[in-house]
Amino acid sequence: MGNPRPRPKLLHEKLVAIRKYLNVDQQDLAAWLKLPHAGRVSEYESDVREPNLMVLLAYTVFAKVHMESLVDDQVSVTEFRAELGTVEPRPRAQPKSQPEAPIHQRPVTLLHGTR
């Protein structure tokens, strides 16, 4: 086997920061992300498992952050939290019962500063 592909070392900490910023528990987040069970969120946050690109995209859409800042280890966790705008957690968010379309079928709105 060849060399394993590089993995972001700070990703799991940033995923925890997003969940705390959204002020949801792992079960609610798993429901939002349409994961098979909440244990998957725990595996992502404990760096046991790496989420696929579509799950990462969903995290960035929910948190309204750039994908680059989530996966780039040159962006520290402190800088990432600042990008989230979190000093205090948001009020507890409620998941929508049925999103209008799966995340990969929704139109993409570019965030400020992107092309």
Protein backbone atom coordinates (compact mmCIF):
# COMPACT_ATOMS: atom_id res chain seq x y z
CA MET A 1 0.00 0.00 0.00
CA GLY A 2 1.11 3.56 -0.68
CA ASN A 3 1.19 6.49 1.65
CA PRO A 4 -2.13 7.43 3.24
CA ARG A 5 -3.58 10.73 2.10
CA PRO A 6 -3.01 13.69 4.39
CA ARG A 7 -5.75 14.40 6.94
CA PRO A 8 -6.46 17.73 8.60
CA LYS A 9 -5.21 17.51 12.16
CA LEU A 10 -7.53 20.20 13.57
CA LEU A 11 -10.72 19.09 11.81
CA HIS A 12 -12.20 17.25 14.77
CA GLU A 13 -11.75 20.26 17.07
CA LYS A 14 -13.38 22.54 14.51
CA LEU A 15 -16.33 20.16 14.16
CA VAL A 16 -16.83 20.33 17.94
CA ALA A 17 -16.65 24.14 17.72
CA ILE A 18 -19.39 24.15 15.07
CA ARG A 19 -21.68 21.91 17.12
CA LYS A 20 -21.16 24.05 20.21
CA TYR A 21 -21.73 27.23 18.18
CA LEU A 22 -25.00 25.81 16.84
CA ASN A 23 -25.84 24.83 20.43
CA VAL A 24 -27.09 21.36 19.50
CA ASP A 25 -26.32 17.94 20.86
CA GLN A 26 -24.83 15.10 18.82
CA GLN A 27 -28.24 13.49 18.23
CA ASP A 28 -29.74 16.66 16.74
CA LEU A 29 -26.67 17.25 14.61
CA ALA A 30 -26.78 13.68 13.32
CA ALA A 31 -30.43 14.21 12.38
CA TRP A 32 -29.57 17.42 10.52
CA LEU A 33 -26.73 15.72 8.68
CA LYS A 34 -28.90 12.65 7.99
CA LEU A 35 -26.33 10.35 9.54
CA PRO A 36 -27.28 6.77 10.45
CA HIS A 37 -26.73 7.39 14.17
CA ALA A 38 -25.40 10.01 16.58
CA GLY A 39 -22.34 7.87 17.26
CA ARG A 40 -21.00 8.97 13.89
CA VAL A 41 -20.81 12.60 15.10
CA SER A 42 -18.95 11.36 18.16
CA GLU A 43 -16.50 9.50 15.92
CA TYR A 44 -15.91 12.66 13.87
CA GLU A 45 -15.38 14.77 16.97
CA SER A 46 -13.02 12.29 18.61
CA ASP A 47 -10.97 11.95 15.38
CA VAL A 48 -11.77 8.24 15.04
CA ARG A 49 -13.43 8.75 11.66
CA GLU A 50 -13.19 11.49 9.02
CA PRO A 51 -16.45 12.78 7.51
CA ASN A 52 -16.92 12.60 3.75
CA LEU A 53 -17.03 15.76 1.64
CA MET A 54 -20.82 15.99 1.57
CA VAL A 55 -20.97 15.85 5.37
CA LEU A 56 -18.26 18.52 5.60
CA LEU A 57 -20.23 20.65 3.15
CA ALA A 58 -23.34 20.29 5.32
CA TYR A 59 -21.36 21.39 8.39
CA THR A 60 -20.14 24.51 6.56
CA VAL A 61 -23.64 25.35 5.30
CA PHE A 62 -25.15 25.04 8.78
CA ALA A 63 -22.37 27.11 10.37
CA LYS A 64 -22.05 29.55 7.43
CA VAL A 65 -18.27 29.24 7.26
CA HIS A 66 -15.85 28.65 4.41
CA MET A 67 -14.89 25.06 3.67
CA GLU A 68 -11.25 26.18 3.45
CA SER A 69 -11.23 27.43 7.03
CA LEU A 70 -12.71 24.14 8.22
CA VAL A 71 -10.15 21.85 6.59
CA ASP A 72 -7.07 24.08 6.47
CA ASP A 73 -4.79 23.46 9.46
CA GLN A 74 -3.19 26.88 8.90
CA VAL A 75 -6.42 28.29 10.33
CA SER A 76 -6.15 27.69 14.06
CA VAL A 77 -9.11 26.56 16.14
CA THR A 78 -9.10 29.99 17.83
CA GLU A 79 -9.25 31.76 14.47
CA PHE A 80 -11.98 29.37 13.36
CA ARG A 81 -14.05 30.12 16.47
CA ALA A 82 -13.62 33.83 15.72
CA GLU A 83 -14.88 33.19 12.19
CA LEU A 84 -17.91 31.47 13.69
CA GLY A 85 -18.39 34.59 15.76
CA THR A 86 -18.77 32.61 18.92
CA VAL A 87 -17.90 33.91 22.29
CA GLU A 88 -21.29 32.90 23.63
CA PRO A 89 -23.14 29.96 22.11
CA ARG A 90 -26.23 30.70 20.04
CA PRO A 91 -29.65 29.92 21.46
CA ARG A 92 -30.48 26.26 20.93
CA ALA A 93 -31.29 25.74 17.27
CA GLN A 94 -34.18 23.55 16.21
CA PRO A 95 -33.69 21.23 13.24
CA LYS A 96 -36.18 21.57 10.40
CA SER A 97 -38.51 18.63 10.15
CA GLN A 98 -37.99 18.25 6.39
CA PRO A 99 -35.43 20.32 4.49
CA GLU A 100 -36.64 21.50 1.10
CA ALA A 101 -33.99 19.48 -0.76
CA PRO A 102 -30.93 17.38 0.10
CA ILE A 103 -27.88 19.55 0.72
CA HIS A 104 -26.14 18.41 -2.47
CA GLN A 105 -29.16 19.50 -4.58
CA ARG A 106 -29.57 22.99 -3.14
CA PRO A 107 -28.27 26.03 -5.01
CA VAL A 108 -24.95 27.27 -3.68
CA THR A 109 -24.62 30.84 -2.45
CA LEU A 110 -21.07 32.07 -2.35
CA LEU A 111 -19.97 33.63 0.89
CA HIS A 112 -18.41 37.07 1.05
CA GLY A 113 -14.87 37.08 -0.30
CA THR A 114 -15.22 34.05 -2.55
CA ARG A 115 -15.41 33.80 -6.32
